[in-house]
PDB file of N, CA and C in Angstrom:
ATOM      1  N   GLY A   1     -94.786-129.853 -88.395  1.00  0.00           N
ATOM      2  CA  GLY A   1     -94.600-130.616 -87.195  1.00  0.00           C
ATOM      3  C   GLY A   1     -93.667-129.927 -86.233  1.00  0.00           C
ATOM      4  N   GLN A   2     -93.537-130.474 -85.089  1.00  0.00           N
ATOM      5  CA  GLN A   2     -92.671-129.915 -84.064  1.00  0.00           C
ATOM      6  C   GLN A   2     -91.363-130.697 -84.013  1.00  0.00           C
ATOM      7  N   LYS A   3     -90.300-130.031 -83.586  1.00  0.00           N
ATOM      8  CA  LYS A   3     -88.998-130.673 -83.466  1.00  0.00           C
ATOM      9  C   LYS A   3     -88.441-130.459 -82.066  1.00  0.00           C
ATOM     10  N   THR A   4     -87.717-131.466 -81.581  1.00  0.00           N
ATOM     11  CA  THR A   4     -87.032-131.332 -80.297  1.00  0.00           C
ATOM     12  C   THR A   4     -85.700-130.634 -80.519  1.00  0.00           C
ATOM     13  N   ARG A   5     -85.038-130.296 -79.450  1.00  0.00           N
ATOM     14  CA  ARG A   5     -83.709-129.696 -79.560  1.00  0.00           C
ATOM     15  C   ARG A   5     -82.733-130.754 -80.066  1.00  0.00           C
ATOM     16  N   VAL A   6     -81.628-130.315 -80.612  1.00  0.00           N
ATOM     17  CA  VAL A   6     -80.595-131.211 -81.127  1.00  0.00           C
ATOM     18  C   VAL A   6     -79.656-131.592 -79.986  1.00  0.00           C
ATOM     19  N   VAL A   7     -79.350-132.876 -79.867  1.00  0.00           N
ATOM     20  CA  VAL A   7     -78.367-133.354 -78.893  1.00  0.00           C
ATOM     21  C   VAL A   7     -77.119-133.738 -79.681  1.00  0.00           C
ATOM     22  N   LYS A   8     -76.054-132.955 -79.505  1.00  0.00           N
ATOM     23  CA  LYS A   8     -74.842-133.176 -80.286  1.00  0.00           C
ATOM     24  C   LYS A   8     -73.887-134.125 -79.574  1.00  0.00           C
ATOM     25  N   HIS A   9     -73.147-134.876 -80.365  1.00  0.00           N
ATOM     26  CA  HIS A   9     -72.056-135.734 -79.897  1.00  0.00           C
ATOM     27  C   HIS A   9     -72.500-136.750 -78.842  1.00  0.00           C
ATOM     28  N   SER A  10     -73.639-137.393 -79.064  1.00  0.00           N
ATOM     29  CA  SER A  10     -74.135-138.400 -78.129  1.00  0.00           C
ATOM     30  C   SER A  10     -74.623-139.614 -78.911  1.00  0.00           C
ATOM     31  N   VAL A  11     -74.211-140.804 -78.464  1.00  0.00           N
ATOM     32  CA  VAL A  11     -74.710-142.028 -79.089  1.00  0.00           C
ATOM     33  C   VAL A  11     -75.957-142.530 -78.372  1.00  0.00           C
ATOM     34  N   SER A  12     -76.303-141.881 -77.251  1.00  0.00           N
ATOM     35  CA  SER A  12     -77.488-142.275 -76.498  1.00  0.00           C
ATOM     36  C   SER A  12     -78.207-141.030 -75.971  1.00  0.00           C
ATOM     37  N   PRO A  13     -78.763-140.223 -76.876  1.00  0.00           N
ATOM     38  CA  PRO A  13     -79.419-138.987 -76.418  1.00  0.00           C
ATOM     39  C   PRO A  13     -80.713-139.280 -75.677  1.00  0.00           C
ATOM     40  N   THR A  14     -81.034-138.427 -74.733  1.00  0.00           N
ATOM     41  CA  THR A  14     -82.279-138.509 -73.989  1.00  0.00           C
ATOM     42  C   THR A  14     -83.066-137.240 -74.247  1.00  0.00           C
ATOM     43  N   TYR A  15     -84.343-137.404 -74.551  1.00  0.00           N
ATOM     44  CA  TYR A  15     -85.206-136.259 -74.801  1.00  0.00           C
ATOM     45  C   TYR A  15     -86.308-136.247 -73.753  1.00  0.00           C
ATOM     46  N   ASN A  16     -86.496-135.120 -73.135  1.00  0.00           N
ATOM     47  CA  ASN A  16     -87.579-134.929 -72.180  1.00  0.00           C
ATOM     48  C   ASN A  16     -88.337-133.705 -72.665  1.00  0.00           C
ATOM     49  N   HIS A  17     -89.148-133.906 -73.678  1.00  0.00           N
ATOM     50  CA  HIS A  17     -89.779-132.801 -74.385  1.00  0.00           C
ATOM     51  C   HIS A  17     -91.284-133.003 -74.409  1.00  0.00           C
ATOM     52  N   THR A  18     -92.011-131.969 -74.080  1.00  0.00           N
ATOM     53  CA  THR A  18     -93.465-132.021 -74.135  1.00  0.00           C
ATOM     54  C   THR A  18     -93.937-131.266 -75.370  1.00  0.00           C
ATOM     55  N   MET A  19     -94.772-131.913 -76.170  1.00  0.00           N
ATOM     56  CA  MET A  19     -95.350-131.266 -77.344  1.00  0.00           C
ATOM     57  C   MET A  19     -96.839-131.103 -77.105  1.00  0.00           C
ATOM     58  N   VAL A  20     -97.354-129.936 -77.430  1.00  0.00           N
ATOM     59  CA  VAL A  20     -98.760-129.638 -77.216  1.00  0.00           C
ATOM     60  C   VAL A  20     -99.404-129.328 -78.562  1.00  0.00           C
ATOM     61  N   TYR A  21    -100.528-129.961 -78.825  1.00  0.00           N
ATOM     62  CA  TYR A  21    -101.295-129.732 -80.052  1.00  0.00           C
ATOM     63  C   TYR A  21    -102.683-129.262 -79.664  1.00  0.00           C
ATOM     64  N   ASP A  22    -103.043-128.081 -80.109  1.00  0.00           N
ATOM     65  CA  ASP A  22    -104.367-127.533 -79.818  1.00  0.00           C
ATOM     66  C   ASP A  22    -105.361-127.965 -80.893  1.00  0.00           C
ATOM     67  N   GLY A  23    -106.621-128.012 -80.522  1.00  0.00           N
ATOM     68  CA  GLY A  23    -107.669-128.284 -81.491  1.00  0.00           C
ATOM     69  C   GLY A  23    -108.045-129.743 -81.648  1.00  0.00           C
ATOM     70  N   PHE A  24    -107.350-130.637 -80.954  1.00  0.00           N
ATOM     71  CA  PHE A  24    -107.678-132.059 -81.022  1.00  0.00           C
ATOM     72  C   PHE A  24    -108.659-132.405 -79.920  1.00  0.00           C
ATOM     73  N   GLN A  25    -109.645-133.190 -80.266  1.00  0.00           N
ATOM     74  CA  GLN A  25    -110.541-133.782 -79.281  1.00  0.00           C
ATOM     75  C   GLN A  25    -110.037-135.203 -79.028  1.00  0.00           C
ATOM     76  N   THR A  26    -110.368-135.771 -77.896  1.00  0.00           N
ATOM     77  CA  THR A  26    -109.960-137.143 -77.590  1.00  0.00           C
ATOM     78  C   THR A  26    -110.423-138.103 -78.678  1.00  0.00           C
ATOM     79  N   SER A  27    -111.621-137.882 -79.209  1.00  0.00           N
ATOM     80  CA  SER A  27    -112.143-138.761 -80.255  1.00  0.00           C
ATOM     81  C   SER A  27    -111.298-138.695 -81.529  1.00  0.00           C
ATOM     82  N   ASP A  28    -110.641-137.561 -81.798  1.00  0.00           N
ATOM     83  CA  ASP A  28    -109.786-137.418 -82.978  1.00  0.00           C
ATOM     84  C   ASP A  28    -108.548-138.298 -82.892  1.00  0.00           C
ATOM     85  N   LEU A  29    -108.100-138.598 -81.691  1.00  0.00           N
ATOM     86  CA  LEU A  29    -106.850-139.350 -81.518  1.00  0.00           C
ATOM     87  C   LEU A  29    -106.936-140.767 -82.075  1.00  0.00           C
ATOM     88  N   ARG A  30    -108.115-141.335 -82.137  1.00  0.00           N
ATOM     89  CA  ARG A  30    -108.273-142.680 -82.701  1.00  0.00           C
ATOM     90  C   ARG A  30    -108.087-142.678 -84.213  1.00  0.00           C
ATOM     91  N   GLU A  31    -108.196-141.511 -84.843  1.00  0.00           N
ATOM     92  CA  GLU A  31    -108.041-141.382 -86.289  1.00  0.00           C
ATOM     93  C   GLU A  31    -106.696-140.762 -86.681  1.00  0.00           C
ATOM     94  N   ALA A  32    -105.921-140.345 -85.685  1.00  0.00           N
ATOM     95  CA  ALA A  32    -104.669-139.627 -85.933  1.00  0.00           C
ATOM     96  C   ALA A  32    -103.461-140.541 -85.758  1.00  0.00           C
ATOM     97  N   CYS A  33    -102.325-140.049 -86.198  1.00  0.00           N
ATOM     98  CA  CYS A  33    -101.063-140.768 -86.048  1.00  0.00           C
ATOM     99  C   CYS A  33     -99.971-139.760 -85.723  1.00  0.00           C
ATOM    100  N   ALA A  34     -99.208-140.021 -84.666  1.00  0.00           N
ATOM    101  CA  ALA A  34     -98.057-139.187 -84.316  1.00  0.00           C
ATOM    102  C   ALA A  34     -96.809-139.884 -84.839  1.00  0.00           C
ATOM    103  N   GLU A  35     -96.108-139.229 -85.747  1.00  0.00           N
ATOM    104  CA  GLU A  35     -94.867-139.791 -86.298  1.00  0.00           C
ATOM    105  C   GLU A  35     -93.680-139.188 -85.560  1.00  0.00           C
ATOM    106  N   LEU A  36     -92.847-140.041 -85.003  1.00  0.00           N
ATOM    107  CA  LEU A  36     -91.616-139.609 -84.342  1.00  0.00           C
ATOM    108  C   LEU A  36     -90.453-140.193 -85.130  1.00  0.00           C
ATOM    109  N   THR A  37     -89.598-139.323 -85.658  1.00  0.00           N
ATOM    110  CA  THR A  37     -88.450-139.788 -86.429  1.00  0.00           C
ATOM    111  C   THR A  37     -87.168-139.388 -85.739  1.00  0.00           C
ATOM    112  N   VAL A  38     -86.167-140.258 -85.863  1.00  0.00           N
ATOM    113  CA  VAL A  38     -84.850-140.016 -85.298  1.00  0.00           C
ATOM    114  C   VAL A  38     -83.892-139.784 -86.462  1.00  0.00           C
ATOM    115  N   CYS A  39     -83.246-138.616 -86.441  1.00  0.00           N
ATOM    116  CA  CYS A  39     -82.354-138.234 -87.539  1.00  0.00           C
ATOM    117  C   CYS A  39     -80.943-137.997 -87.010  1.00  0.00           C
ATOM    118  N   GLN A  40     -79.998-138.157 -87.892  1.00  0.00           N
ATOM    119  CA  GLN A  40     -78.599-137.839 -87.599  1.00  0.00           C
ATOM    120  C   GLN A  40     -78.171-136.817 -88.632  1.00  0.00           C
ATOM    121  N   ARG A  41     -77.631-135.718 -88.152  1.00  0.00           N
ATOM    122  CA  ARG A  41     -77.205-134.670 -89.066  1.00  0.00           C
ATOM    123  C   ARG A  41     -75.694-134.717 -89.227  1.00  0.00           C
ATOM    124  N   ASP A  42     -75.264-134.658 -90.475  1.00  0.00           N
ATOM    125  CA  ASP A  42     -73.843-134.649 -90.800  1.00  0.00           C
ATOM    126  C   ASP A  42     -73.612-133.480 -91.755  1.00  0.00           C
ATOM    127  N   GLY A  43     -73.239-132.334 -91.197  1.00  0.00           N
ATOM    128  CA  GLY A  43     -73.106-131.142 -92.018  1.00  0.00           C
ATOM    129  C   GLY A  43     -74.459-130.717 -92.538  1.00  0.00           C
ATOM    130  N   LEU A  44     -74.609-130.631 -93.833  1.00  0.00           N
ATOM    131  CA  LEU A  44     -75.882-130.257 -94.443  1.00  0.00           C
ATOM    132  C   LEU A  44     -76.772-131.457 -94.738  1.00  0.00           C
ATOM    133  N   LYS A  45     -76.216-132.654 -94.580  1.00  0.00           N
ATOM    134  CA  LYS A  45     -76.960-133.872 -94.886  1.00  0.00           C
ATOM    135  C   LYS A  45     -77.675-134.397 -93.637  1.00  0.00           C
ATOM    136  N   THR A  46     -78.935-134.815 -93.814  1.00  0.00           N
ATOM    137  CA  THR A  46     -79.713-135.406 -92.729  1.00  0.00           C
ATOM    138  C   THR A  46     -79.990-136.863 -93.058  1.00  0.00           C
ATOM    139  N   ASN A  47     -79.567-137.762 -92.177  1.00  0.00           N
ATOM    140  CA  ASN A  47     -79.819-139.197 -92.336  1.00  0.00           C
ATOM    141  C   ASN A  47     -80.941-139.600 -91.388  1.00  0.00           C
ATOM    142  N   ILE A  48     -81.963-140.217 -91.923  1.00  0.00           N
ATOM    143  CA  ILE A  48     -83.068-140.694 -91.093  1.00  0.00           C
ATOM    144  C   ILE A  48     -82.717-142.090 -90.603  1.00  0.00           C
ATOM    145  N   LEU A  49     -82.608-142.231 -89.284  1.00  0.00           N
ATOM    146  CA  LEU A  49     -82.232-143.512 -88.679  1.00  0.00           C
ATOM    147  C   LEU A  49     -83.429-144.434 -88.501  1.00  0.00           C
ATOM    148  N   GLY A  50     -84.607-143.858 -88.318  1.00  0.00           N
ATOM    149  CA  GLY A  50     -85.813-144.653 -88.115  1.00  0.00           C
ATOM    150  C   GLY A  50     -86.825-143.860 -87.332  1.00  0.00           C
ATOM    151  N   GLY A  51     -87.853-144.541 -86.857  1.00  0.00           N
ATOM    152  CA  GLY A  51     -88.877-143.850 -86.095  1.00  0.00           C
ATOM    153  C   GLY A  51     -90.006-144.769 -85.686  1.00  0.00           C
ATOM    154  N   VAL A  52     -91.067-144.157 -85.196  1.00  0.00           N
ATOM    155  CA  VAL A  52     -92.265-144.894 -84.784  1.00  0.00           C
ATOM    156  C   VAL A  52     -93.499-144.138 -85.275  1.00  0.00           C
ATOM    157  N   HIS A  53     -94.580-144.856 -85.471  1.00  0.00           N
ATOM    158  CA  HIS A  53     -95.890-144.279 -85.768  1.00  0.00           C
ATOM    159  C   HIS A  53     -96.812-144.654 -84.618  1.00  0.00           C
ATOM    160  N   LEU A  54     -97.207-143.679 -83.821  1.00  0.00           N
ATOM    161  CA  LEU A  54     -98.128-143.942 -82.719  1.00  0.00           C
ATOM    162  C   LEU A  54     -99.546-143.684 -83.207  1.00  0.00           C
ATOM    163  N   SER A  55    -100.337-144.742 -83.266  1.00  0.00           N
ATOM    164  CA  SER A  55    -101.731-144.642 -83.699  1.00  0.00           C
ATOM    165  C   SER A  55    -102.476-145.870 -83.209  1.00  0.00           C
ATOM    166  N   CYS A  56    -103.777-145.877 -83.466  1.00  0.00           N
ATOM    167  CA  CYS A  56    -104.586-147.061 -83.136  1.00  0.00           C
ATOM    168  C   CYS A  56    -104.456-148.135 -84.204  1.00  0.00           C
ATOM    169  N   GLY A  57    -103.816-147.812 -85.323  1.00  0.00           N
ATOM    170  CA  GLY A  57    -103.669-148.786 -86.397  1.00  0.00           C
ATOM    171  C   GLY A  57    -105.021-149.134 -86.984  1.00  0.00           C
ATOM    172  N   THR A  58    -105.008-150.049 -87.908  1.00  0.00           N
ATOM    173  CA  THR A  58    -106.238-150.527 -88.519  1.00  0.00           C
ATOM    174  C   THR A  58    -106.103-152.024 -88.715  1.00  0.00           C
ATOM    175  N   GLU A  59    -106.990-152.768 -88.111  1.00  0.00           N
ATOM    176  CA  GLU A  59    -106.959-154.217 -88.265  1.00  0.00           C
ATOM    177  C   GLU A  59    -107.404-154.616 -89.665  1.00  0.00           C
ATOM    178  N   LYS A  60    -106.649-155.471 -90.326  1.00  0.00           N
ATOM    179  CA  LYS A  60    -106.991-155.958 -91.664  1.00  0.00           C
ATOM    180  C   LYS A  60    -106.651-157.437 -91.747  1.00  0.00           C
ATOM    181  N   PRO A  61    -107.424-158.208 -92.467  1.00  0.00           N
ATOM    182  CA  PRO A  61    -107.023-159.595 -92.697  1.00  0.00           C
ATOM    183  C   PRO A  61    -105.799-159.612 -93.610  1.00  0.00           C
ATOM    184  N   PRO A  62    -104.783-160.426 -93.322  1.00  0.00           N
ATOM    185  CA  PRO A  62    -103.550-160.407 -94.106  1.00  0.00           C
ATOM    186  C   PRO A  62    -103.709-160.834 -95.550  1.00  0.00           C
ATOM    187  N   THR A  63    -104.856-161.362 -95.919  1.00  0.00           N
ATOM    188  CA  THR A  63    -105.043-161.771 -97.307  1.00  0.00           C
ATOM    189  C   THR A  63    -105.725-160.695 -98.142  1.00  0.00           C
ATOM    190  N   SER A  64    -106.178-159.609 -97.512  1.00  0.00           N
ATOM    191  CA  SER A  64    -106.888-158.585 -98.270  1.00  0.00           C
ATOM    192  C   SER A  64    -105.919-157.771 -99.118  1.00  0.00           C
ATOM    193  N   LEU A  65    -106.406-157.295-100.256  1.00  0.00           N
ATOM    194  CA  LEU A  65    -105.596-156.463-101.135  1.00  0.00           C
ATOM    195  C   LEU A  65    -105.165-155.198-100.410  1.00  0.00           C
ATOM    196  N   CYS A  66    -106.030-154.674 -99.566  1.00  0.00           N
ATOM    197  CA  CYS A  66    -105.727-153.471 -98.789  1.00  0.00           C
ATOM    198  C   CYS A  66    -104.481-153.686 -97.925  1.00  0.00           C
ATOM    199  N   TYR A  67    -104.313-154.888 -97.418  1.00  0.00           N
ATOM    200  CA  TYR A  67    -103.166-155.199 -96.556  1.00  0.00           C
ATOM    201  C   TYR A  67    -101.848-154.963 -97.281  1.00  0.00           C
ATOM    202  N   PHE A  68    -101.810-155.256 -98.570  1.00  0.00           N
ATOM    203  CA  PHE A  68    -100.573-155.131 -99.329  1.00  0.00           C
ATOM    204  C   PHE A  68    -100.370-153.741 -99.916  1.00  0.00           C
ATOM    205  N   LEU A  69    -101.463-152.990-100.133  1.00  0.00           N
ATOM    206  CA  LEU A  69    -101.353-151.689-100.788  1.00  0.00           C
ATOM    207  C   LEU A  69    -101.374-150.517 -99.817  1.00  0.00           C
ATOM    208  N   MET A  70    -102.176-150.586 -98.791  1.00  0.00           N
ATOM    209  CA  MET A  70    -102.318-149.493 -97.848  1.00  0.00           C
ATOM    210  C   MET A  70    -102.252-150.045 -96.433  1.00  0.00           C
ATOM    211  N   ALA A  71    -101.805-149.213 -95.528  1.00  0.00           N
ATOM    212  CA  ALA A  71    -101.683-149.660 -94.152  1.00  0.00           C
ATOM    213  C   ALA A  71    -103.013-149.638 -93.421  1.00  0.00           C
ATOM    214  N   GLY A  72    -103.879-148.682 -93.726  1.00  0.00           N
ATOM    215  CA  GLY A  72    -105.119-148.628 -92.978  1.00  0.00           C
ATOM    216  C   GLY A  72    -105.985-147.463 -93.372  1.00  0.00           C
ATOM    217  N   GLN A  73    -106.847-147.046 -92.441  1.00  0.00           N
ATOM    218  CA  GLN A  73    -107.794-145.980 -92.718  1.00  0.00           C
ATOM    219  C   GLN A  73    -107.796-144.947 -91.607  1.00  0.00           C
ATOM    220  N   SER A  74    -108.100-143.716 -91.995  1.00  0.00           N
ATOM    221  CA  SER A  74    -108.318-142.623 -91.061  1.00  0.00           C
ATOM    222  C   SER A  74    -109.544-141.862 -91.538  1.00  0.00           C
ATOM    223  N   TYR A  75    -110.537-141.722 -90.665  1.00  0.00           N
ATOM    224  CA  TYR A  75    -111.811-141.099 -91.029  1.00  0.00           C
ATOM    225  C   TYR A  75    -112.399-141.726 -92.283  1.00  0.00           C
ATOM    226  N   GLY A  76    -112.233-143.044 -92.439  1.00  0.00           N
ATOM    227  CA  GLY A  76    -112.809-143.776 -93.554  1.00  0.00           C
ATOM    228  C   GLY A  76    -112.015-143.713 -94.851  1.00  0.00           C
ATOM    229  N   GLU A  77    -110.934-142.960 -94.881  1.00  0.00           N
ATOM    230  CA  GLU A  77    -110.097-142.830 -96.078  1.00  0.00           C
ATOM    231  C   GLU A  77    -108.879-143.740 -95.959  1.00  0.00           C
ATOM    232  N   ALA A  78    -108.486-144.365 -97.059  1.00  0.00           N
ATOM    233  CA  ALA A  78    -107.295-145.213 -97.076  1.00  0.00           C
ATOM    234  C   ALA A  78    -106.049-144.345 -96.945  1.00  0.00           C
ATOM    235  N   VAL A  79    -105.165-144.710 -96.010  1.00  0.00           N
ATOM    236  CA  VAL A  79    -103.919-143.973 -95.779  1.00  0.00           C
ATOM    237  C   VAL A  79    -102.774-144.967 -95.600  1.00  0.00           C
ATOM    238  N   SER A  80    -101.592-144.567 -95.996  1.00  0.00           N
ATOM    239  CA  SER A  80    -100.436-145.457 -95.877  1.00  0.00           C
ATOM    240  C   SER A  80     -99.759-145.348 -94.521  1.00  0.00           C
ATOM    241  N   TRP A  81    -100.031-144.300 -93.768  1.00  0.00           N
ATOM    242  CA  TRP A  81     -99.312-144.059 -92.524  1.00  0.00           C
ATOM    243  C   TRP A  81     -99.955-144.674 -91.282  1.00  0.00           C
ATOM    244  N   MET A  82    -101.092-145.302 -91.395  1.00  0.00           N
ATOM    245  CA  MET A  82    -101.736-145.932 -90.235  1.00  0.00           C
ATOM    246  C   MET A  82    -101.206-147.362 -90.120  1.00  0.00           C
ATOM    247  N   ASP A  83     -99.884-147.466 -89.920  1.00  0.00           N
ATOM    248  CA  ASP A  83     -99.205-148.763 -89.964  1.00  0.00           C
ATOM    249  C   ASP A  83     -98.488-149.108 -88.657  1.00  0.00           C
ATOM    250  N   SER A  84     -99.022-148.653 -87.542  1.00  0.00           N
ATOM    251  CA  SER A  84     -98.375-148.880 -86.251  1.00  0.00           C
ATOM    252  C   SER A  84     -98.240-150.357 -85.924  1.00  0.00           C
ATOM    253  N   THR A  85     -97.124-150.693 -85.263  1.00  0.00           N
ATOM    254  CA  THR A  85     -96.924-152.054 -84.786  1.00  0.00           C
ATOM    255  C   THR A  85     -97.832-152.295 -83.575  1.00  0.00           C
ATOM    256  N   LYS A  86     -97.913-153.542 -83.160  1.00  0.00           N
ATOM    257  CA  LYS A  86     -98.733-153.900 -81.995  1.00  0.00           C
ATOM    258  C   LYS A  86     -98.287-153.114 -80.755  1.00  0.00           C
ATOM    259  N   ASP A  87     -96.985-152.972 -80.544  1.00  0.00           N
ATOM    260  CA  ASP A  87     -96.471-152.234 -79.377  1.00  0.00           C
ATOM    261  C   ASP A  87     -96.775-150.745 -79.483  1.00  0.00           C
ATOM    262  N   GLU A  88     -96.669-150.175 -80.695  1.00  0.00           N
ATOM    263  CA  GLU A  88     -96.982-148.757 -80.884  1.00  0.00           C
ATOM    264  C   GLU A  88     -98.467-148.491 -80.632  1.00  0.00           C
ATOM    265  N   VAL A  89     -99.323-149.394 -81.101  1.00  0.00           N
ATOM    266  CA  VAL A  89    -100.763-149.278 -80.861  1.00  0.00           C
ATOM    267  C   VAL A  89    -101.043-149.338 -79.361  1.00  0.00           C
ATOM    268  N   ALA A  90    -100.366-150.229 -78.653  1.00  0.00           N
ATOM    269  CA  ALA A  90    -100.579-150.362 -77.207  1.00  0.00           C
ATOM    270  C   ALA A  90    -100.216-149.068 -76.471  1.00  0.00           C
ATOM    271  N   VAL A  91     -99.127-148.429 -76.862  1.00  0.00           N
ATOM    272  CA  VAL A  91     -98.716-147.166 -76.231  1.00  0.00           C
ATOM    273  C   VAL A  91     -99.732-146.072 -76.528  1.00  0.00           C
ATOM    274  N   TRP A  92    -100.130-145.930 -77.789  1.00  0.00           N
ATOM    275  CA  TRP A  92    -101.086-144.890 -78.177  1.00  0.00           C
ATOM    276  C   TRP A  92    -102.423-145.092 -77.464  1.00  0.00           C
ATOM    277  N   THR A  93    -102.894-146.335 -77.425  1.00  0.00           N
ATOM    278  CA  THR A  93    -104.156-146.640 -76.753  1.00  0.00           C
ATOM    279  C   THR A  93    -104.065-146.310 -75.267  1.00  0.00           C
ATOM    280  N   SER A  94    -102.940-146.639 -74.643  1.00  0.00           N
ATOM    281  CA  SER A  94    -102.737-146.327 -73.232  1.00  0.00           C
ATOM    282  C   SER A  94    -102.749-144.815 -73.000  1.00  0.00           C
ATOM    283  N   MET A  95    -102.162-144.064 -73.924  1.00  0.00           N
ATOM    284  CA  MET A  95    -102.166-142.604 -73.803  1.00  0.00           C
ATOM    285  C   MET A  95    -103.586-142.049 -73.894  1.00  0.00           C
ATOM    286  N   ILE A  96    -104.383-142.592 -74.807  1.00  0.00           N
ATOM    287  CA  ILE A  96    -105.759-142.130 -74.971  1.00  0.00           C
ATOM    288  C   ILE A  96    -106.588-142.461 -73.730  1.00  0.00           C
ATOM    289  N   GLU A  97    -106.423-143.673 -73.214  1.00  0.00           N
ATOM    290  CA  GLU A  97    -107.216-144.128 -72.073  1.00  0.00           C
ATOM    291  C   GLU A  97    -106.776-143.495 -70.757  1.00  0.00           C
ATOM    292  N   ASN A  98    -105.582-142.927 -70.720  1.00  0.00           N
ATOM    293  CA  ASN A  98    -105.048-142.323 -69.497  1.00  0.00           C
ATOM    294  C   ASN A  98    -104.692-140.862 -69.744  1.00  0.00           C
ATOM    295  N   SER A  99    -105.642-140.111 -70.290  1.00  0.00           N
ATOM    296  CA  SER A  99    -105.356-138.714 -70.618  1.00  0.00           C
ATOM    297  C   SER A  99    -104.955-137.943 -69.366  1.00  0.00           C
ATOM    298  N   ASN A 100    -104.084-136.967 -69.571  1.00  0.00           N
ATOM    299  CA  ASN A 100    -103.546-136.118 -68.502  1.00  0.00           C
ATOM    300  C   ASN A 100    -102.682-136.887 -67.509  1.00  0.00           C
ATOM    301  N   ARG A 101    -102.151-138.028 -67.954  1.00  0.00           N
ATOM    302  CA  ARG A 101    -101.189-138.802 -67.147  1.00  0.00           C
ATOM    303  C   ARG A 101     -99.971-139.094 -68.018  1.00  0.00           C
ATOM    304  N   TRP A 102     -98.809-139.154 -67.378  1.00  0.00           N
ATOM    305  CA  TRP A 102     -97.581-139.500 -68.092  1.00  0.00           C
ATOM    306  C   TRP A 102     -97.568-140.987 -68.392  1.00  0.00           C
ATOM    307  N   ILE A 103     -97.149-141.344 -69.585  1.00  0.00           N
ATOM    308  CA  ILE A 103     -96.975-142.740 -69.972  1.00  0.00           C
ATOM    309  C   ILE A 103     -95.486-142.936 -70.211  1.00  0.00           C
ATOM    310  N   ASP A 104     -94.843-143.703 -69.359  1.00  0.00           N
ATOM    311  CA  ASP A 104     -93.406-143.965 -69.477  1.00  0.00           C
ATOM    312  C   ASP A 104     -93.220-145.263 -70.254  1.00  0.00           C
ATOM    313  N   THR A 105     -92.576-145.173 -71.401  1.00  0.00           N
ATOM    314  CA  THR A 105     -92.434-146.357 -72.247  1.00  0.00           C
ATOM    315  C   THR A 105     -91.163-146.276 -73.064  1.00  0.00           C
ATOM    316  N   THR A 106     -90.777-147.394 -73.604  1.00  0.00           N
ATOM    317  CA  THR A 106     -89.643-147.477 -74.523  1.00  0.00           C
ATOM    318  C   THR A 106     -90.092-148.281 -75.730  1.00  0.00           C
ATOM    319  N   LEU A 107     -89.848-147.739 -76.904  1.00  0.00           N
ATOM    320  CA  LEU A 107     -90.180-148.441 -78.144  1.00  0.00           C
ATOM    321  C   LEU A 107     -88.946-148.479 -79.035  1.00  0.00           C
ATOM    322  N   PRO A 108     -88.723-149.582 -79.735  1.00  0.00           N
ATOM    323  CA  PRO A 108     -87.613-149.614 -80.696  1.00  0.00           C
ATOM    324  C   PRO A 108     -87.977-148.796 -81.930  1.00  0.00           C
ATOM    325  N   ILE A 109     -86.991-148.103 -82.501  1.00  0.00           N
ATOM    326  CA  ILE A 109     -87.283-147.393 -83.740  1.00  0.00           C
ATOM    327  C   ILE A 109     -87.285-148.395 -84.887  1.00  0.00           C
ATOM    328  N   ARG A 110     -88.138-148.115 -85.857  1.00  0.00           N
ATOM    329  CA  ARG A 110     -88.214-148.972 -87.048  1.00  0.00           C
ATOM    330  C   ARG A 110     -87.390-148.325 -88.158  1.00  0.00           C
ATOM    331  N   THR A 111     -86.478-149.084 -88.720  1.00  0.00           N
ATOM    332  CA  THR A 111     -85.668-148.560 -89.811  1.00  0.00           C
ATOM    333  C   THR A 111     -86.407-148.626 -91.137  1.00  0.00           C
ATOM    334  N   ASN A 112     -87.506-149.349 -91.186  1.00  0.00           N
ATOM    335  CA  ASN A 112     -88.306-149.467 -92.414  1.00  0.00           C
ATOM    336  C   ASN A 112     -89.532-148.586 -92.372  1.00  0.00           C
ATOM    337  N   LEU A 113     -89.503-147.545 -91.579  1.00  0.00           N
ATOM    338  CA  LEU A 113     -90.654-146.671 -91.410  1.00  0.00           C
ATOM    339  C   LEU A 113     -91.025-145.999 -92.715  1.00  0.00           C
ATOM    340  N   MET A 114     -92.300-146.134 -93.116  1.00  0.00           N
ATOM    341  CA  MET A 114     -92.804-145.427 -94.291  1.00  0.00           C
ATOM    342  C   MET A 114     -93.115-144.012 -93.851  1.00  0.00           C
ATOM    343  N   GLN A 115     -92.369-143.040 -94.358  1.00  0.00           N
ATOM    344  CA  GLN A 115     -92.502-141.673 -93.869  1.00  0.00           C
ATOM    345  C   GLN A 115     -93.379-140.816 -94.738  1.00  0.00           C
ATOM    346  N   TRP A 116     -93.948-139.808 -94.112  1.00  0.00           N
ATOM    347  CA  TRP A 116     -94.740-138.840 -94.842  1.00  0.00           C
ATOM    348  C   TRP A 116     -94.255-137.444 -94.603  1.00  0.00           C
ATOM    349  N   SER A 117     -93.195-137.263 -93.801  1.00  0.00           N
ATOM    350  CA  SER A 117     -92.599-135.936 -93.615  1.00  0.00           C
ATOM    351  C   SER A 117     -91.228-136.095 -93.008  1.00  0.00           C
ATOM    352  N   VAL A 118     -90.415-135.039 -93.143  1.00  0.00           N
ATOM    353  CA  VAL A 118     -89.094-134.995 -92.502  1.00  0.00           C
ATOM    354  C   VAL A 118     -88.952-133.668 -91.818  1.00  0.00           C
TER     355      VAL A 118
END
């Protein structure tokens, strides 16, 4: 994955970073998930403060076994990381529908984020 620059000694860092991924088609974005994590470094130790999962999510009935075991599906396969909140889904969908336009948004980080990388 890609990383932004480190902002030292700030309780309210601002990032204005553009990340570019080659090889994706617009249709792939409905099956993909962008994980953004916020970390705090203390010497050699890295503390994960939280993050967001930007994806289209997967709608499931809350009584299904899948709802409790897996978050959703990507390309028909069960995956745990397709667990975006309603607000995260709205941002991702807006980005897909408005390609080549800036989407200015604010999302709260989730401290209970199920991670798949650091």
